[in-house]
Amino acid sequence: MDWERTRTDDGLTEWTRADGYATIRLRRRTDGRFAVRLDRLHQADEGRGYAFEIVDTRSAAEELVESWQNGADPNEESA
């Protein structure tokens, strides 16, 4: 499914999925690391989901965002 960048503020970027039932947010933390979170609503075809990871580099954060946007389920990966 397609994603659209819907918010870009200082240190924070958010994407919303085309169906409106999921968002991914990437933000720079005060310690210089990056937080990435996926929030999927109950109404989503695949059901509710939430994931949060902290990574050391922006490139690692962007790879995580891309992986989640391409359908990787973070809840299955950690199981």
N, C-alpha and C. Protein backbone atom coordinates (compact mmCIF):
# COMPACT_ATOMS: atom_id res chain seq x y z
N MET A 1 0.84 -1.17 0.00
CA MET A 1 0.00 0.00 0.00
C MET A 1 0.89 1.24 0.00
N ASP A 2 0.40 2.30 -0.57
CA ASP A 2 1.17 3.54 -0.67
C ASP A 2 1.17 4.31 0.65
N TRP A 3 2.26 5.05 0.84
CA TRP A 3 2.41 5.91 2.01
C TRP A 3 2.68 7.33 1.52
N GLU A 4 2.19 8.31 2.28
CA GLU A 4 2.41 9.71 1.95
C GLU A 4 3.04 10.41 3.15
N ARG A 5 4.07 11.20 2.88
CA ARG A 5 4.66 11.99 3.97
C ARG A 5 3.65 13.07 4.33
N THR A 6 3.19 13.07 5.56
CA THR A 6 2.13 13.98 5.97
C THR A 6 2.58 15.02 6.99
N ARG A 7 3.78 14.85 7.51
CA ARG A 7 4.28 15.82 8.49
C ARG A 7 5.79 15.83 8.45
N THR A 8 6.33 17.04 8.39
CA THR A 8 7.78 17.20 8.50
C THR A 8 8.02 18.44 9.35
N ASP A 9 8.47 18.22 10.55
CA ASP A 9 8.83 19.30 11.46
C ASP A 9 10.30 19.14 11.79
N ASP A 10 10.82 20.06 12.55
CA ASP A 10 12.22 19.98 12.95
C ASP A 10 12.48 18.69 13.71
N GLY A 11 13.19 17.75 13.07
CA GLY A 11 13.55 16.51 13.73
C GLY A 11 12.49 15.43 13.72
N LEU A 12 11.34 15.66 13.07
CA LEU A 12 10.27 14.68 13.07
C LEU A 12 9.67 14.56 11.67
N THR A 13 9.49 13.32 11.22
CA THR A 13 8.82 13.06 9.94
C THR A 13 7.77 11.98 10.19
N GLU A 14 6.59 12.17 9.58
CA GLU A 14 5.52 11.18 9.73
C GLU A 14 4.94 10.85 8.36
N TRP A 15 4.63 9.56 8.18
CA TRP A 15 3.99 9.07 6.96
C TRP A 15 2.65 8.47 7.35
N THR A 16 1.65 8.66 6.49
CA THR A 16 0.33 8.07 6.69
C THR A 16 0.05 7.13 5.53
N ARG A 17 -0.42 5.94 5.86
CA ARG A 17 -0.75 4.97 4.83
C ARG A 17 -1.99 5.43 4.06
N ALA A 18 -2.09 5.04 2.79
CA ALA A 18 -3.15 5.50 1.90
C ALA A 18 -4.55 5.26 2.46
N ASP A 19 -4.74 4.17 3.21
CA ASP A 19 -6.07 3.89 3.77
C ASP A 19 -6.35 4.69 5.04
N GLY A 20 -5.33 5.39 5.54
CA GLY A 20 -5.49 6.21 6.73
C GLY A 20 -5.46 5.45 8.04
N TYR A 21 -5.23 4.14 7.99
CA TYR A 21 -5.29 3.32 9.19
C TYR A 21 -3.94 3.03 9.83
N ALA A 22 -2.88 3.64 9.32
CA ALA A 22 -1.56 3.41 9.91
C ALA A 22 -0.68 4.63 9.70
N THR A 23 0.19 4.88 10.66
CA THR A 23 1.19 5.93 10.54
C THR A 23 2.54 5.40 11.01
N ILE A 24 3.58 5.99 10.44
CA ILE A 24 4.94 5.72 10.88
C ILE A 24 5.57 7.07 11.19
N ARG A 25 6.22 7.15 12.32
CA ARG A 25 6.86 8.40 12.73
C ARG A 25 8.34 8.14 13.01
N LEU A 26 9.17 9.03 12.50
CA LEU A 26 10.62 8.98 12.74
C LEU A 26 11.00 10.31 13.38
N ARG A 27 11.70 10.23 14.51
CA ARG A 27 12.14 11.48 15.14
C ARG A 27 13.54 11.32 15.73
N ARG A 28 14.23 12.42 15.74
CA ARG A 28 15.56 12.46 16.35
C ARG A 28 15.39 12.73 17.84
N ARG A 29 16.05 11.93 18.65
CA ARG A 29 15.99 12.08 20.09
C ARG A 29 17.05 13.08 20.56
N THR A 30 16.92 13.53 21.78
CA THR A 30 17.90 14.49 22.32
C THR A 30 19.29 13.89 22.47
N ASP A 31 19.38 12.56 22.57
CA ASP A 31 20.69 11.92 22.68
C ASP A 31 21.34 11.64 21.32
N GLY A 32 20.68 12.10 20.23
CA GLY A 32 21.24 11.93 18.90
C GLY A 32 20.82 10.65 18.20
N ARG A 33 20.18 9.75 18.90
CA ARG A 33 19.67 8.52 18.29
C ARG A 33 18.31 8.80 17.67
N PHE A 34 17.71 7.79 17.05
CA PHE A 34 16.46 7.98 16.33
C PHE A 34 15.40 6.99 16.81
N ALA A 35 14.20 7.50 17.03
CA ALA A 35 13.06 6.69 17.42
C ALA A 35 12.14 6.53 16.22
N VAL A 36 11.69 5.30 15.99
CA VAL A 36 10.77 5.01 14.90
C VAL A 36 9.60 4.24 15.49
N ARG A 37 8.38 4.69 15.17
CA ARG A 37 7.23 3.96 15.69
C ARG A 37 6.19 3.77 14.59
N LEU A 38 5.54 2.63 14.66
CA LEU A 38 4.44 2.26 13.77
C LEU A 38 3.20 2.16 14.63
N ASP A 39 2.13 2.81 14.19
CA ASP A 39 0.85 2.72 14.90
C ASP A 39 -0.23 2.38 13.88
N ARG A 40 -0.85 1.21 14.07
CA ARG A 40 -1.87 0.72 13.15
C ARG A 40 -3.19 0.57 13.92
N LEU A 41 -4.26 1.15 13.38
CA LEU A 41 -5.56 1.13 14.03
C LEU A 41 -6.26 -0.22 13.93
N HIS A 42 -7.23 -0.45 14.79
CA HIS A 42 -8.03 -1.68 14.78
C HIS A 42 -8.69 -1.91 13.42
N GLN A 43 -9.08 -0.82 12.74
CA GLN A 43 -9.79 -0.93 11.47
C GLN A 43 -8.92 -1.41 10.31
N ALA A 44 -7.63 -1.43 10.47
CA ALA A 44 -6.73 -1.87 9.41
C ALA A 44 -7.02 -3.33 9.07
N ASP A 45 -6.84 -3.68 7.79
CA ASP A 45 -7.10 -5.06 7.35
C ASP A 45 -6.35 -6.08 8.20
N GLU A 46 -5.12 -5.76 8.58
CA GLU A 46 -4.31 -6.69 9.35
C GLU A 46 -4.48 -6.53 10.86
N GLY A 47 -5.40 -5.64 11.26
CA GLY A 47 -5.68 -5.44 12.68
C GLY A 47 -4.74 -4.47 13.35
N ARG A 48 -4.98 -4.23 14.62
CA ARG A 48 -4.20 -3.26 15.38
C ARG A 48 -2.76 -3.74 15.54
N GLY A 49 -1.86 -2.76 15.54
CA GLY A 49 -0.46 -3.07 15.78
C GLY A 49 0.28 -1.83 16.23
N TYR A 50 1.30 -2.05 17.04
CA TYR A 50 2.13 -0.95 17.51
C TYR A 50 3.55 -1.48 17.67
N ALA A 51 4.50 -0.68 17.20
CA ALA A 51 5.90 -1.05 17.38
C ALA A 51 6.70 0.23 17.60
N PHE A 52 7.76 0.11 18.37
CA PHE A 52 8.63 1.25 18.68
C PHE A 52 10.05 0.72 18.77
N GLU A 53 10.95 1.35 18.02
CA GLU A 53 12.36 0.96 18.08
C GLU A 53 13.23 2.19 18.12
N ILE A 54 14.37 2.07 18.78
CA ILE A 54 15.38 3.12 18.82
C ILE A 54 16.62 2.59 18.12
N VAL A 55 17.13 3.38 17.18
CA VAL A 55 18.32 2.99 16.43
C VAL A 55 19.35 4.12 16.50
N ASP A 56 20.61 3.78 16.19
CA ASP A 56 21.70 4.73 16.37
C ASP A 56 21.85 5.75 15.25
N THR A 57 21.48 5.40 14.02
CA THR A 57 21.74 6.29 12.89
C THR A 57 20.46 6.61 12.11
N ARG A 58 20.51 7.73 11.42
CA ARG A 58 19.36 8.09 10.58
C ARG A 58 19.18 7.07 9.46
N SER A 59 20.28 6.58 8.89
CA SER A 59 20.15 5.61 7.81
C SER A 59 19.47 4.32 8.31
N ALA A 60 19.80 3.89 9.51
CA ALA A 60 19.14 2.71 10.09
C ALA A 60 17.66 2.99 10.32
N ALA A 61 17.33 4.19 10.75
CA ALA A 61 15.93 4.57 10.96
C ALA A 61 15.17 4.58 9.64
N GLU A 62 15.78 5.12 8.60
CA GLU A 62 15.13 5.16 7.30
C GLU A 62 14.94 3.76 6.72
N GLU A 63 15.88 2.86 6.96
CA GLU A 63 15.73 1.46 6.53
C GLU A 63 14.57 0.80 7.25
N LEU A 64 14.41 1.08 8.53
CA LEU A 64 13.31 0.53 9.31
C LEU A 64 11.97 1.05 8.78
N VAL A 65 11.90 2.35 8.52
CA VAL A 65 10.69 2.94 7.95
C VAL A 65 10.34 2.26 6.64
N GLU A 66 11.31 2.11 5.77
CA GLU A 66 11.08 1.48 4.46
C GLU A 66 10.60 0.04 4.62
N SER A 67 11.20 -0.68 5.53
CA SER A 67 10.81 -2.07 5.77
C SER A 67 9.35 -2.15 6.22
N TRP A 68 8.97 -1.30 7.17
CA TRP A 68 7.59 -1.30 7.65
C TRP A 68 6.63 -0.86 6.56
N GLN A 69 7.02 0.11 5.75
CA GLN A 69 6.16 0.56 4.66
C GLN A 69 5.97 -0.54 3.62
N ASN A 70 6.95 -1.40 3.46
CA ASN A 70 6.86 -2.49 2.48
C ASN A 70 6.19 -3.74 3.04
N GLY A 71 5.61 -3.62 4.23
CA GLY A 71 4.79 -4.71 4.74
C GLY A 71 5.41 -5.59 5.79
N ALA A 72 6.64 -5.33 6.20
CA ALA A 72 7.23 -6.12 7.28
C ALA A 72 6.41 -5.89 8.55
N ASP A 73 6.04 -6.94 9.24
CA ASP A 73 5.26 -6.82 10.46
C ASP A 73 6.20 -6.88 11.65
N PRO A 74 6.43 -5.75 12.32
CA PRO A 74 7.38 -5.74 13.43
C PRO A 74 6.94 -6.62 14.60
N ASN A 75 5.65 -6.86 14.73
CA ASN A 75 5.17 -7.72 15.82
C ASN A 75 5.53 -9.18 15.57
N GLU A 76 5.58 -9.59 14.32
CA GLU A 76 5.99 -10.97 14.00
C GLU A 76 7.50 -11.14 14.10
N GLU A 77 8.26 -10.09 13.74
CA GLU A 77 9.72 -10.18 13.76
C GLU A 77 10.25 -10.35 15.17
N SER A 78 9.57 -9.76 16.16
CA SER A 78 10.08 -9.84 17.52
C SER A 78 9.58 -11.08 18.25
N ALA A 79 8.69 -11.83 17.64
CA ALA A 79 8.14 -13.01 18.30
C ALA A 79 9.09 -14.17 18.27
